[in-house]
Amino acid sequence: MPNQIVVATYRVKPECEHEFQMLLSKHWPTLRALGFVSDEPPIILRSVDDPPTYTEIFTWVENGFEMAHEHPDVLAIWEPMDPLLESRQGLPRWDFPHYLPWSAHDHQ
């Protein structure tokens, strides 16, 4: 199976944005150092409007997602992130849909 692309969305409590940014800045470098994601740096976006929503797009290597869920260095980032986030407009605090690459050129 090809590597999966994750589009992680984080709905950050406004008063926790700085603390969240500090954790997020460690996220991909930690995943990369452990070999759980591809070499391609993530795309990280912040909503224009407040309250802040961040989106992080990166590519897991095969089994990287599963290995990350068991590694203490990753959990040391994910666990303190959770209380910095909030459910908003019926959406969860954070979500991580996974996608496979698709090209229209391959399907013509």
Protein backbone atom coordinates (compact mmCIF):
# COMPACT_ATOMS: atom_id res chain seq x y z
CA MET A 1 0.00 0.00 0.00
CA PRO A 2 1.34 3.48 -0.81
CA ASN A 3 2.27 5.82 1.99
CA GLN A 4 -0.73 7.57 3.50
CA ILE A 5 -1.09 11.34 3.66
CA VAL A 6 -2.66 12.70 6.83
CA VAL A 7 -4.48 16.02 7.06
CA ALA A 8 -4.38 16.72 10.78
CA THR A 9 -6.69 19.45 12.06
CA TYR A 10 -6.23 20.98 15.49
CA ARG A 11 -8.86 23.33 16.99
CA VAL A 12 -6.77 25.29 19.48
CA LYS A 13 -8.12 27.14 22.51
CA PRO A 14 -7.16 30.80 21.92
CA GLU A 15 -5.46 31.14 25.30
CA CYS A 16 -3.34 28.03 24.57
CA GLU A 17 -2.05 28.95 21.12
CA HIS A 18 1.55 29.67 22.11
CA GLU A 19 1.89 26.44 24.10
CA PHE A 20 0.32 24.52 21.21
CA GLN A 21 2.76 26.09 18.72
CA MET A 22 5.68 24.93 20.86
CA LEU A 23 4.43 21.33 20.77
CA LEU A 24 3.55 21.47 17.07
CA SER A 25 7.05 22.71 16.25
CA LYS A 26 8.40 19.44 17.73
CA HIS A 27 5.82 17.15 16.11
CA TRP A 28 7.12 16.47 12.60
CA PRO A 29 10.82 16.62 13.57
CA THR A 30 10.17 13.94 16.19
CA LEU A 31 8.18 11.77 13.77
CA ARG A 32 10.94 12.20 11.16
CA ALA A 33 13.78 11.40 13.57
CA LEU A 34 11.98 8.17 14.47
CA GLY A 35 11.48 7.27 10.78
CA PHE A 36 7.67 7.37 10.94
CA VAL A 37 7.15 9.98 8.18
CA SER A 38 8.60 10.72 4.76
CA ASP A 39 11.44 13.18 4.18
CA GLU A 40 9.05 15.72 2.68
CA PRO A 41 8.47 18.51 5.23
CA PRO A 42 4.90 19.08 6.34
CA ILE A 43 2.62 21.84 5.20
CA ILE A 44 1.35 23.69 8.28
CA LEU A 45 -1.46 26.22 8.00
CA ARG A 46 -3.19 28.49 10.53
CA SER A 47 -6.70 29.77 10.01
CA VAL A 48 -7.00 33.45 9.15
CA ASP A 49 -9.85 33.88 11.61
CA ASP A 50 -9.95 33.22 15.32
CA PRO A 51 -10.34 31.03 17.24
CA PRO A 52 -7.25 29.38 15.74
CA THR A 53 -7.40 26.18 13.76
CA TYR A 54 -4.18 24.58 12.54
CA THR A 55 -3.85 22.07 9.73
CA GLU A 56 -0.74 19.92 9.33
CA ILE A 57 -0.30 17.82 6.19
CA PHE A 58 2.39 15.16 6.05
CA THR A 59 3.03 11.63 4.79
CA TRP A 60 3.37 8.55 6.97
CA VAL A 61 5.74 5.82 5.87
CA GLU A 62 4.35 2.29 5.88
CA ASN A 63 3.27 1.41 9.45
CA GLY A 64 4.43 4.83 10.69
CA PHE A 65 0.99 5.70 12.03
CA GLU A 66 0.80 2.50 14.05
CA MET A 67 4.34 2.84 15.38
CA ALA A 68 3.78 6.48 16.38
CA HIS A 69 0.84 5.48 18.59
CA GLU A 70 3.14 3.30 20.68
CA HIS A 71 6.26 5.46 20.91
CA PRO A 72 6.83 7.43 24.14
CA ASP A 73 8.52 10.35 22.33
CA VAL A 74 5.41 10.87 20.18
CA LEU A 75 3.00 10.38 23.06
CA ALA A 76 5.00 13.00 24.97
CA ILE A 77 3.81 15.49 22.32
CA TRP A 78 0.29 14.20 21.65
CA GLU A 79 -0.81 13.84 25.27
CA PRO A 80 -0.08 17.46 26.30
CA MET A 81 -1.67 18.70 23.05
CA ASP A 82 -5.09 17.31 23.93
CA PRO A 83 -6.01 19.75 26.74
CA LEU A 84 -4.95 22.70 24.53
CA LEU A 85 -7.70 21.85 22.03
CA GLU A 86 -11.46 22.28 22.03
CA SER A 87 -14.45 20.89 20.17
CA ARG A 88 -15.96 23.58 18.00
CA GLN A 89 -19.13 23.86 15.90
CA GLY A 90 -19.86 20.17 16.34
CA LEU A 91 -16.35 19.20 15.23
CA PRO A 92 -13.89 17.25 17.38
CA ARG A 93 -10.85 18.80 19.09
CA TRP A 94 -8.63 17.25 16.47
CA ASP A 95 -9.02 14.81 13.66
CA PHE A 96 -6.64 12.93 11.42
CA PRO A 97 -8.23 11.68 8.18
CA HIS A 98 -5.82 9.68 6.04
CA TYR A 99 -5.68 9.80 2.26
CA LEU A 100 -3.99 7.92 -0.55
CA PRO A 101 -2.43 9.82 -3.45
CA TRP A 102 -4.64 9.95 -6.52
CA SER A 103 -3.90 11.33 -9.95
CA ALA A 104 -6.44 11.94 -12.68
CA HIS A 105 -3.69 11.21 -15.21
CA ASP A 106 -3.49 7.65 -13.87
CA HIS A 107 -7.23 7.14 -14.38
CA GLN A 108 -7.82 8.39 -17.91
